[in-house]
Amino acid sequence: MRMHKLMTIQFNTGSYLLWIVAFVGFPIGGTLAHLLLGPVDSVLKGALAGLVTGAVIGLAEWLVLRQIAPLDARWIVATALGMAIGLAAGIGLAGIETAVAPLLIRGAITGLAIGIAQGWLLRDLAPLAGLWIVVLAAAWPLAWTVTRAIGVDMTQQWSVFGSSGAIVFQIVTAVALRLLLG
């Protein structure tokens, strides 16, 4: 039987603010991947851009989470691998079109893959850690919807949604973390 480490988690108002500030990993990671690889227009570029972007996002999130919960740097690796697998699979299944449906499908698949990887790390910390998978599978397409709605040029084939979507994503996941981690 696994022991839950719920007593070591301190999620308070300051934690919400820190988690929301971690949104900077999204534009930084997306920009870095775009500079290194160009537009994400193939499964291979999806995997590579996912690794780069996911590592930066994972680092930003982990820098906050390590102050809240006993999570180590595996969070960075899980996020990078989850995003690489999810983005590549999303491109493989839905293509690279920037129309609403393929964009949302890619977002859901990417969120699902990251959710599975991160949820695995949360399993000892929260009895309902499996819900993290559902939250990310919904929050990724939501963030893409917000980014698209404000007029970001989707034809640039970014690996991740823009800052507006990232802020919404971080707010949604902050609430979810609060509920999951107590």
N, C-alpha and C. Protein backbone atom coordinates (compact mmCIF):
# COMPACT_ATOMS: atom_id res chain seq x y z
N MET A 1 0.84 -1.19 0.00
CA MET A 1 0.00 0.00 0.00
C MET A 1 0.88 1.24 0.00
N ARG A 2 0.58 2.19 -0.88
CA ARG A 2 1.36 3.43 -0.95
C ARG A 2 0.96 4.37 0.16
N MET A 3 1.94 5.06 0.69
CA MET A 3 1.67 6.09 1.70
C MET A 3 1.48 7.41 0.98
N HIS A 4 0.43 8.12 1.31
CA HIS A 4 0.21 9.44 0.73
C HIS A 4 0.92 10.48 1.57
N LYS A 5 1.59 11.38 0.91
CA LYS A 5 2.39 12.40 1.58
C LYS A 5 1.64 13.72 1.67
N LEU A 6 0.34 13.66 1.88
CA LEU A 6 -0.49 14.86 1.88
C LEU A 6 -0.08 15.86 2.95
N MET A 7 0.47 15.42 4.03
CA MET A 7 0.82 16.32 5.13
C MET A 7 1.99 17.24 4.78
N THR A 8 2.75 16.92 3.75
CA THR A 8 3.91 17.74 3.41
C THR A 8 3.60 18.80 2.36
N ILE A 9 2.35 18.92 1.96
CA ILE A 9 1.99 19.85 0.91
C ILE A 9 1.43 21.13 1.52
N GLN A 10 1.93 22.26 1.04
CA GLN A 10 1.50 23.56 1.52
C GLN A 10 1.03 24.40 0.33
N PHE A 11 -0.23 24.29 -0.01
CA PHE A 11 -0.77 25.06 -1.14
C PHE A 11 -1.64 26.16 -0.57
N ASN A 12 -1.18 27.41 -0.67
CA ASN A 12 -1.91 28.55 -0.13
C ASN A 12 -2.05 29.63 -1.20
N THR A 13 -2.52 30.80 -0.79
CA THR A 13 -2.73 31.88 -1.75
C THR A 13 -1.44 32.24 -2.48
N GLY A 14 -0.32 32.28 -1.77
CA GLY A 14 0.96 32.56 -2.41
C GLY A 14 1.31 31.50 -3.45
N SER A 15 0.93 30.27 -3.19
CA SER A 15 1.18 29.18 -4.13
C SER A 15 0.43 29.41 -5.43
N TYR A 16 -0.83 29.89 -5.33
CA TYR A 16 -1.59 30.20 -6.54
C TYR A 16 -0.85 31.22 -7.38
N LEU A 17 -0.39 32.28 -6.73
CA LEU A 17 0.30 33.35 -7.46
C LEU A 17 1.59 32.84 -8.10
N LEU A 18 2.36 32.05 -7.35
CA LEU A 18 3.59 31.48 -7.92
C LEU A 18 3.28 30.58 -9.12
N TRP A 19 2.26 29.74 -8.98
CA TRP A 19 1.90 28.82 -10.06
C TRP A 19 1.50 29.61 -11.30
N ILE A 20 0.75 30.69 -11.12
CA ILE A 20 0.33 31.50 -12.26
C ILE A 20 1.54 32.16 -12.91
N VAL A 21 2.52 32.59 -12.10
CA VAL A 21 3.73 33.19 -12.65
C VAL A 21 4.52 32.18 -13.49
N ALA A 22 4.37 30.90 -13.19
CA ALA A 22 5.07 29.86 -13.95
C ALA A 22 4.62 29.81 -15.41
N PHE A 23 3.59 30.62 -15.76
CA PHE A 23 3.14 30.66 -17.14
C PHE A 23 4.26 31.11 -18.08
N VAL A 24 5.27 31.80 -17.59
CA VAL A 24 6.35 32.29 -18.46
C VAL A 24 7.08 31.16 -19.18
N GLY A 25 7.00 29.96 -18.65
CA GLY A 25 7.62 28.83 -19.32
C GLY A 25 7.03 28.55 -20.69
N PHE A 26 5.75 28.89 -20.86
CA PHE A 26 5.08 28.63 -22.14
C PHE A 26 5.62 29.52 -23.27
N PRO A 27 5.59 30.86 -23.12
CA PRO A 27 6.14 31.67 -24.22
C PRO A 27 7.64 31.50 -24.40
N ILE A 28 8.36 31.30 -23.32
CA ILE A 28 9.81 31.11 -23.45
C ILE A 28 10.10 29.78 -24.16
N GLY A 29 9.46 28.72 -23.72
CA GLY A 29 9.66 27.41 -24.34
C GLY A 29 9.23 27.38 -25.79
N GLY A 30 8.06 27.97 -26.09
CA GLY A 30 7.57 28.01 -27.46
C GLY A 30 8.47 28.82 -28.37
N THR A 31 8.95 29.95 -27.87
CA THR A 31 9.85 30.79 -28.67
C THR A 31 11.18 30.08 -28.91
N LEU A 32 11.73 29.46 -27.88
CA LEU A 32 13.00 28.75 -28.04
C LEU A 32 12.87 27.62 -29.07
N ALA A 33 11.81 26.84 -28.96
CA ALA A 33 11.61 25.75 -29.93
C ALA A 33 11.45 26.30 -31.34
N HIS A 34 10.74 27.42 -31.47
CA HIS A 34 10.52 28.02 -32.79
C HIS A 34 11.84 28.54 -33.37
N LEU A 35 12.66 29.13 -32.53
CA LEU A 35 13.96 29.63 -33.00
C LEU A 35 14.88 28.48 -33.42
N LEU A 36 14.86 27.40 -32.66
CA LEU A 36 15.73 26.26 -32.96
C LEU A 36 15.24 25.41 -34.13
N LEU A 37 13.93 25.23 -34.23
CA LEU A 37 13.39 24.25 -35.17
C LEU A 37 12.50 24.83 -36.27
N GLY A 38 12.09 26.06 -36.10
CA GLY A 38 11.15 26.64 -37.06
C GLY A 38 9.74 26.14 -36.78
N PRO A 39 8.85 26.31 -37.76
CA PRO A 39 7.47 25.87 -37.58
C PRO A 39 7.38 24.37 -37.31
N VAL A 40 6.44 24.00 -36.47
CA VAL A 40 6.21 22.59 -36.17
C VAL A 40 5.29 22.04 -37.26
N ASP A 41 5.91 21.45 -38.28
CA ASP A 41 5.16 21.02 -39.45
C ASP A 41 5.35 19.55 -39.81
N SER A 42 5.82 18.77 -38.85
CA SER A 42 5.96 17.33 -39.07
C SER A 42 5.95 16.62 -37.71
N VAL A 43 5.77 15.32 -37.76
CA VAL A 43 5.77 14.53 -36.54
C VAL A 43 7.13 14.64 -35.84
N LEU A 44 8.22 14.56 -36.61
CA LEU A 44 9.55 14.67 -36.02
C LEU A 44 9.76 16.02 -35.35
N LYS A 45 9.39 17.09 -36.05
CA LYS A 45 9.52 18.42 -35.45
C LYS A 45 8.61 18.56 -34.23
N GLY A 46 7.47 17.90 -34.26
CA GLY A 46 6.58 17.91 -33.10
C GLY A 46 7.25 17.28 -31.89
N ALA A 47 7.90 16.15 -32.11
CA ALA A 47 8.60 15.48 -31.01
C ALA A 47 9.74 16.34 -30.48
N LEU A 48 10.54 16.89 -31.38
CA LEU A 48 11.68 17.71 -30.96
C LEU A 48 11.23 19.02 -30.28
N ALA A 49 10.25 19.67 -30.90
CA ALA A 49 9.73 20.90 -30.31
C ALA A 49 9.05 20.62 -28.97
N GLY A 50 8.40 19.48 -28.88
CA GLY A 50 7.79 19.08 -27.61
C GLY A 50 8.81 18.88 -26.51
N LEU A 51 9.95 18.28 -26.88
CA LEU A 51 11.03 18.10 -25.89
C LEU A 51 11.54 19.45 -25.38
N VAL A 52 11.82 20.35 -26.32
CA VAL A 52 12.37 21.66 -25.95
C VAL A 52 11.35 22.46 -25.14
N THR A 53 10.16 22.62 -25.71
CA THR A 53 9.12 23.41 -25.05
C THR A 53 8.73 22.78 -23.71
N GLY A 54 8.54 21.48 -23.71
CA GLY A 54 8.15 20.78 -22.49
C GLY A 54 9.19 20.89 -21.39
N ALA A 55 10.46 20.87 -21.76
CA ALA A 55 11.52 21.01 -20.75
C ALA A 55 11.47 22.39 -20.09
N VAL A 56 11.25 23.41 -20.90
CA VAL A 56 11.19 24.77 -20.34
C VAL A 56 9.94 24.94 -19.48
N ILE A 57 8.80 24.46 -19.97
CA ILE A 57 7.57 24.54 -19.18
C ILE A 57 7.73 23.74 -17.89
N GLY A 58 8.26 22.53 -18.01
CA GLY A 58 8.47 21.69 -16.83
C GLY A 58 9.39 22.34 -15.81
N LEU A 59 10.43 23.00 -16.28
CA LEU A 59 11.34 23.69 -15.37
C LEU A 59 10.62 24.82 -14.64
N ALA A 60 9.88 25.63 -15.37
CA ALA A 60 9.15 26.75 -14.75
C ALA A 60 8.16 26.23 -13.71
N GLU A 61 7.42 25.18 -14.06
CA GLU A 61 6.46 24.61 -13.12
C GLU A 61 7.15 23.98 -11.92
N TRP A 62 8.22 23.26 -12.17
CA TRP A 62 8.92 22.58 -11.08
C TRP A 62 9.52 23.58 -10.09
N LEU A 63 10.03 24.69 -10.58
CA LEU A 63 10.59 25.71 -9.68
C LEU A 63 9.54 26.19 -8.68
N VAL A 64 8.28 26.20 -9.09
CA VAL A 64 7.20 26.55 -8.18
C VAL A 64 6.78 25.35 -7.34
N LEU A 65 6.54 24.22 -7.99
CA LEU A 65 6.02 23.05 -7.30
C LEU A 65 6.94 22.54 -6.20
N ARG A 66 8.23 22.65 -6.39
CA ARG A 66 9.15 22.13 -5.37
C ARG A 66 9.02 22.89 -4.05
N GLN A 67 8.44 24.08 -4.10
CA GLN A 67 8.20 24.86 -2.88
C GLN A 67 6.89 24.46 -2.21
N ILE A 68 6.05 23.76 -2.96
CA ILE A 68 4.72 23.40 -2.48
C ILE A 68 4.65 21.93 -2.09
N ALA A 69 5.26 21.08 -2.88
CA ALA A 69 5.14 19.63 -2.71
C ALA A 69 6.50 18.96 -2.92
N PRO A 70 6.67 17.79 -2.34
CA PRO A 70 7.95 17.08 -2.48
C PRO A 70 8.11 16.42 -3.86
N LEU A 71 8.27 17.26 -4.88
CA LEU A 71 8.50 16.77 -6.23
C LEU A 71 9.92 17.12 -6.64
N ASP A 72 10.56 16.20 -7.34
CA ASP A 72 11.94 16.45 -7.77
C ASP A 72 11.98 16.79 -9.26
N ALA A 73 13.17 16.86 -9.79
CA ALA A 73 13.38 17.30 -11.18
C ALA A 73 12.80 16.32 -12.20
N ARG A 74 12.31 15.19 -11.76
CA ARG A 74 11.63 14.29 -12.71
C ARG A 74 10.42 14.96 -13.35
N TRP A 75 9.90 16.00 -12.67
CA TRP A 75 8.78 16.75 -13.23
C TRP A 75 9.16 17.36 -14.60
N ILE A 76 10.38 17.84 -14.68
CA ILE A 76 10.87 18.45 -15.93
C ILE A 76 10.93 17.39 -17.02
N VAL A 77 11.49 16.25 -16.71
CA VAL A 77 11.62 15.16 -17.67
C VAL A 77 10.24 14.65 -18.09
N ALA A 78 9.35 14.47 -17.13
CA ALA A 78 8.00 13.99 -17.43
C ALA A 78 7.27 14.95 -18.35
N THR A 79 7.41 16.24 -18.08
CA THR A 79 6.73 17.24 -18.90
C THR A 79 7.31 17.25 -20.32
N ALA A 80 8.63 17.19 -20.43
CA ALA A 80 9.28 17.20 -21.74
C ALA A 80 8.90 15.95 -22.55
N LEU A 81 8.98 14.79 -21.93
CA LEU A 81 8.64 13.55 -22.65
C LEU A 81 7.16 13.49 -22.98
N GLY A 82 6.32 13.90 -22.03
CA GLY A 82 4.88 13.90 -22.28
C GLY A 82 4.53 14.82 -23.43
N MET A 83 5.15 16.00 -23.46
CA MET A 83 4.84 16.94 -24.54
C MET A 83 5.39 16.44 -25.87
N ALA A 84 6.56 15.85 -25.87
CA ALA A 84 7.14 15.31 -27.11
C ALA A 84 6.24 14.22 -27.68
N ILE A 85 5.84 13.30 -26.85
CA ILE A 85 4.98 12.20 -27.30
C ILE A 85 3.61 12.73 -27.72
N GLY A 86 3.04 13.61 -26.89
CA GLY A 86 1.71 14.13 -27.18
C GLY A 86 1.65 14.98 -28.44
N LEU A 87 2.61 15.87 -28.61
CA LEU A 87 2.60 16.74 -29.79
C LEU A 87 2.85 15.92 -31.06
N ALA A 88 3.78 14.98 -31.00
CA ALA A 88 4.04 14.13 -32.16
C ALA A 88 2.82 13.27 -32.49
N ALA A 89 2.20 12.68 -31.48
CA ALA A 89 1.01 11.86 -31.71
C ALA A 89 -0.14 12.72 -32.23
N GLY A 90 -0.29 13.92 -31.69
CA GLY A 90 -1.36 14.81 -32.14
C GLY A 90 -1.19 15.18 -33.59
N ILE A 91 0.04 15.45 -33.99
CA ILE A 91 0.31 15.77 -35.40
C ILE A 91 0.07 14.54 -36.26
N GLY A 92 0.50 13.39 -35.77
CA GLY A 92 0.29 12.15 -36.52
C GLY A 92 -1.18 11.84 -36.73
N LEU A 93 -2.02 12.14 -35.76
CA LEU A 93 -3.45 11.83 -35.84
C LEU A 93 -4.28 12.95 -36.47
N ALA A 94 -3.94 14.20 -36.19
CA ALA A 94 -4.78 15.31 -36.64
C ALA A 94 -4.12 16.19 -37.69
N GLY A 95 -2.86 15.93 -38.00
CA GLY A 95 -2.17 16.74 -38.99
C GLY A 95 -1.70 18.06 -38.43
N ILE A 96 -1.27 18.95 -39.34
CA ILE A 96 -0.71 20.23 -38.91
C ILE A 96 -1.61 21.42 -39.27
N GLU A 97 -2.80 21.13 -39.75
CA GLU A 97 -3.72 22.21 -40.09
C GLU A 97 -3.98 23.08 -38.86
N THR A 98 -4.27 24.35 -39.13
CA THR A 98 -4.53 25.28 -38.03
C THR A 98 -6.01 25.59 -37.84
N ALA A 99 -6.87 24.83 -38.52
CA ALA A 99 -8.30 24.97 -38.31
C ALA A 99 -8.62 24.57 -36.87
N VAL A 100 -9.79 24.95 -36.41
CA VAL A 100 -10.15 24.74 -35.01
C VAL A 100 -10.08 23.27 -34.60
N ALA A 101 -10.74 22.39 -35.34
CA ALA A 101 -10.81 20.98 -34.92
C ALA A 101 -9.43 20.32 -34.80
N PRO A 102 -8.56 20.38 -35.80
CA PRO A 102 -7.25 19.75 -35.63
C PRO A 102 -6.44 20.37 -34.49
N LEU A 103 -6.55 21.67 -34.33
CA LEU A 103 -5.83 22.36 -33.25
C LEU A 103 -6.28 21.85 -31.89
N LEU A 104 -7.59 21.70 -31.71
CA LEU A 104 -8.12 21.23 -30.43
C LEU A 104 -7.79 19.76 -30.19
N ILE A 105 -7.81 18.97 -31.25
CA ILE A 105 -7.45 17.55 -31.11
C ILE A 105 -5.99 17.43 -30.70
N ARG A 106 -5.11 18.17 -31.38
CA ARG A 106 -3.68 18.14 -31.00
C ARG A 106 -3.51 18.60 -29.55
N GLY A 107 -4.24 19.65 -29.17
CA GLY A 107 -4.15 20.14 -27.80
C GLY A 107 -4.59 19.10 -26.79
N ALA A 108 -5.70 18.43 -27.07
CA ALA A 108 -6.19 17.41 -26.15
C ALA A 108 -5.22 16.23 -26.03
N ILE A 109 -4.66 15.82 -27.14
CA ILE A 109 -3.71 14.70 -27.11
C ILE A 109 -2.44 15.10 -26.37
N THR A 110 -1.96 16.31 -26.63
CA THR A 110 -0.76 16.79 -25.92
C THR A 110 -1.03 16.87 -24.43
N GLY A 111 -2.16 17.47 -24.06
CA GLY A 111 -2.51 17.58 -22.64
C GLY A 111 -2.67 16.22 -21.99
N LEU A 112 -3.27 15.28 -22.70
CA LEU A 112 -3.43 13.93 -22.18
C LEU A 112 -2.08 13.27 -21.90
N ALA A 113 -1.17 13.38 -22.84
CA ALA A 113 0.16 12.76 -22.67
C ALA A 113 0.93 13.40 -21.51
N ILE A 114 0.89 14.72 -21.43
CA ILE A 114 1.57 15.39 -20.31
C ILE A 114 0.88 15.04 -19.01
N GLY A 115 -0.44 15.00 -19.02
CA GLY A 115 -1.19 14.64 -17.81
C GLY A 115 -0.84 13.26 -17.30
N ILE A 116 -0.70 12.31 -18.21
CA ILE A 116 -0.32 10.95 -17.80
C ILE A 116 1.07 10.96 -17.16
N ALA A 117 2.00 11.64 -17.80
CA ALA A 117 3.38 11.68 -17.27
C ALA A 117 3.45 12.39 -15.92
N GLN A 118 2.80 13.56 -15.81
CA GLN A 118 2.84 14.29 -14.55
C GLN A 118 1.97 13.61 -13.49
N GLY A 119 0.85 13.07 -13.91
CA GLY A 119 -0.03 12.37 -12.97
C GLY A 119 0.67 11.21 -12.29
N TRP A 120 1.55 10.55 -13.03
CA TRP A 120 2.33 9.44 -12.45
C TRP A 120 3.16 9.95 -11.26
N LEU A 121 3.71 11.15 -11.39
CA LEU A 121 4.52 11.72 -10.31
C LEU A 121 3.66 12.22 -9.15
N LEU A 122 2.43 12.57 -9.42
CA LEU A 122 1.54 13.08 -8.37
C LEU A 122 0.82 11.96 -7.62
N ARG A 123 0.92 10.74 -8.10
CA ARG A 123 0.12 9.64 -7.57
C ARG A 123 0.35 9.38 -6.09
N ASP A 124 1.54 9.61 -5.59
CA ASP A 124 1.80 9.40 -4.16
C ASP A 124 1.44 10.61 -3.31
N LEU A 125 1.16 11.72 -3.94
CA LEU A 125 0.86 12.95 -3.22
C LEU A 125 -0.63 13.22 -3.09
N ALA A 126 -1.40 12.70 -4.01
CA ALA A 126 -2.83 13.00 -4.02
C ALA A 126 -3.62 11.75 -4.39
N PRO A 127 -4.59 11.39 -3.57
CA PRO A 127 -5.39 10.20 -3.86
C PRO A 127 -6.13 10.28 -5.20
N LEU A 128 -6.46 11.48 -5.65
CA LEU A 128 -7.19 11.65 -6.90
C LEU A 128 -6.30 12.18 -8.02
N ALA A 129 -5.04 11.81 -8.00
CA ALA A 129 -4.08 12.32 -8.98
C ALA A 129 -4.48 11.98 -10.41
N GLY A 130 -5.25 10.94 -10.61
CA GLY A 130 -5.71 10.58 -11.94
C GLY A 130 -6.56 11.67 -12.59
N LEU A 131 -7.17 12.50 -11.76
CA LEU A 131 -7.95 13.61 -12.31
C LEU A 131 -7.08 14.64 -12.99
N TRP A 132 -5.80 14.69 -12.63
CA TRP A 132 -4.86 15.62 -13.27
C TRP A 132 -4.80 15.37 -14.78
N ILE A 133 -4.90 14.11 -15.15
CA ILE A 133 -4.88 13.73 -16.56
C ILE A 133 -6.07 14.37 -17.29
N VAL A 134 -7.23 14.29 -16.69
CA VAL A 134 -8.44 14.86 -17.28
C VAL A 134 -8.32 16.38 -17.36
N VAL A 135 -7.82 16.99 -16.30
CA VAL A 135 -7.67 18.45 -16.27
C VAL A 135 -6.76 18.91 -17.41
N LEU A 136 -5.61 18.27 -17.57
CA LEU A 136 -4.69 18.70 -18.63
C LEU A 136 -5.24 18.40 -20.02
N ALA A 137 -5.94 17.29 -20.16
CA ALA A 137 -6.52 16.97 -21.47
C ALA A 137 -7.59 17.99 -21.86
N ALA A 138 -8.20 18.65 -20.89
CA ALA A 138 -9.18 19.70 -21.18
C ALA A 138 -8.54 21.09 -21.22
N ALA A 139 -7.55 21.33 -20.38
CA ALA A 139 -6.95 22.67 -20.28
C ALA A 139 -6.11 23.03 -21.50
N TRP A 140 -5.45 22.05 -22.12
CA TRP A 140 -4.65 22.35 -23.31
C TRP A 140 -5.50 22.85 -24.47
N PRO A 141 -6.58 22.17 -24.85
CA PRO A 141 -7.41 22.73 -25.93
C PRO A 141 -8.07 24.05 -25.53
N LEU A 142 -8.43 24.21 -24.26
CA LEU A 142 -8.98 25.49 -23.80
C LEU A 142 -7.98 26.61 -24.03
N ALA A 143 -6.72 26.38 -23.67
CA ALA A 143 -5.69 27.41 -23.84
C ALA A 143 -5.46 27.73 -25.32
N TRP A 144 -5.51 26.70 -26.18
CA TRP A 144 -5.39 26.95 -27.62
C TRP A 144 -6.58 27.77 -28.11
N THR A 145 -7.77 27.52 -27.57
CA THR A 145 -8.96 28.28 -27.96
C THR A 145 -8.80 29.75 -27.60
N VAL A 146 -8.30 30.02 -26.40
CA VAL A 146 -8.09 31.41 -25.97
C VAL A 146 -7.07 32.08 -26.88
N THR A 147 -5.98 31.41 -27.15
CA THR A 147 -4.94 31.99 -28.01
C THR A 147 -5.48 32.29 -29.40
N ARG A 148 -6.23 31.36 -29.94
CA ARG A 148 -6.83 31.56 -31.26
C ARG A 148 -7.83 32.72 -31.24
N ALA A 149 -8.62 32.80 -30.17
CA ALA A 149 -9.67 33.82 -30.06
C ALA A 149 -9.11 35.25 -30.03
N ILE A 150 -7.90 35.42 -29.48
CA ILE A 150 -7.36 36.78 -29.44
C ILE A 150 -6.62 37.15 -30.72
N GLY A 151 -6.54 36.21 -31.65
CA GLY A 151 -6.01 36.54 -32.97
C GLY A 151 -4.55 36.18 -33.22
N VAL A 152 -3.98 35.30 -32.42
CA VAL A 152 -2.61 34.87 -32.68
C VAL A 152 -2.57 34.12 -34.00
N ASP A 153 -1.56 34.37 -34.80
CA ASP A 153 -1.41 33.75 -36.11
C ASP A 153 -1.03 32.28 -35.96
N MET A 154 -2.01 31.43 -36.17
CA MET A 154 -1.80 29.99 -36.02
C MET A 154 -0.94 29.41 -37.14
N THR A 155 -0.83 30.11 -38.26
CA THR A 155 -0.05 29.59 -39.39
C THR A 155 1.44 29.55 -39.09
N GLN A 156 1.86 30.14 -38.00
CA GLN A 156 3.27 30.09 -37.59
C GLN A 156 3.65 28.71 -37.04
N GLN A 157 2.66 27.85 -36.81
CA GLN A 157 2.88 26.47 -36.35
C GLN A 157 3.69 26.41 -35.05
N TRP A 158 3.25 27.13 -34.05
CA TRP A 158 3.92 27.12 -32.74
C TRP A 158 3.73 25.77 -32.06
N SER A 159 4.64 25.44 -31.18
CA SER A 159 4.54 24.18 -30.43
C SER A 159 3.58 24.30 -29.26
N VAL A 160 3.31 25.54 -28.84
CA VAL A 160 2.47 25.75 -27.66
C VAL A 160 1.67 27.03 -27.84
N PHE A 161 0.57 27.12 -27.13
CA PHE A 161 -0.29 28.30 -27.18
C PHE A 161 0.43 29.53 -26.63
N GLY A 162 -0.12 30.69 -26.91
CA GLY A 162 0.50 31.95 -26.51
C GLY A 162 0.29 32.30 -25.04
N SER A 163 0.78 33.45 -24.65
CA SER A 163 0.73 33.89 -23.26
C SER A 163 -0.68 33.99 -22.72
N SER A 164 -1.61 34.46 -23.53
CA SER A 164 -3.00 34.57 -23.06
C SER A 164 -3.55 33.19 -22.71
N GLY A 165 -3.31 32.22 -23.56
CA GLY A 165 -3.73 30.85 -23.28
C GLY A 165 -2.99 30.27 -22.09
N ALA A 166 -1.72 30.62 -21.96
CA ALA A 166 -0.91 30.11 -20.84
C ALA A 166 -1.42 30.64 -19.50
N ILE A 167 -1.84 31.88 -19.46
CA ILE A 167 -2.37 32.43 -18.21
C ILE A 167 -3.66 31.70 -17.83
N VAL A 168 -4.55 31.50 -18.80
CA VAL A 168 -5.79 30.77 -18.54
C VAL A 168 -5.46 29.34 -18.09
N PHE A 169 -4.52 28.70 -18.78
CA PHE A 169 -4.10 27.34 -18.43
C PHE A 169 -3.61 27.29 -16.98
N GLN A 170 -2.76 28.24 -16.60
CA GLN A 170 -2.20 28.23 -15.24
C GLN A 170 -3.27 28.49 -14.19
N ILE A 171 -4.25 29.33 -14.48
CA ILE A 171 -5.33 29.56 -13.53
C ILE A 171 -6.16 28.29 -13.34
N VAL A 172 -6.52 27.65 -14.44
CA VAL A 172 -7.30 26.41 -14.37
C VAL A 172 -6.53 25.33 -13.61
N THR A 173 -5.25 25.18 -13.92
CA THR A 173 -4.48 24.13 -13.26
C THR A 173 -4.14 24.49 -11.81
N ALA A 174 -4.08 25.77 -11.48
CA ALA A 174 -3.87 26.17 -10.07
C ALA A 174 -5.05 25.73 -9.23
N VAL A 175 -6.24 25.96 -9.74
CA VAL A 175 -7.45 25.53 -9.01
C VAL A 175 -7.46 24.00 -8.88
N ALA A 176 -7.13 23.32 -9.97
CA ALA A 176 -7.10 21.86 -9.93
C ALA A 176 -6.06 21.35 -8.94
N LEU A 177 -4.87 21.94 -8.94
CA LEU A 177 -3.84 21.52 -7.98
C LEU A 177 -4.30 21.74 -6.55
N ARG A 178 -4.95 22.84 -6.30
CA ARG A 178 -5.46 23.13 -4.95
C ARG A 178 -6.43 22.06 -4.51
N LEU A 179 -7.32 21.68 -5.42
CA LEU A 179 -8.30 20.64 -5.09
C LEU A 179 -7.64 19.27 -4.93
N LEU A 180 -6.67 18.98 -5.77
CA LEU A 180 -6.01 17.67 -5.73
C LEU A 180 -5.05 17.53 -4.54
N LEU A 181 -4.30 18.59 -4.28
CA LEU A 181 -3.27 18.50 -3.26
C LEU A 181 -3.74 18.96 -1.88
N GLY A 182 -4.86 19.62 -1.82
CA GLY A 182 -5.40 20.04 -0.52
C GLY A 182 -4.72 21.29 0.03
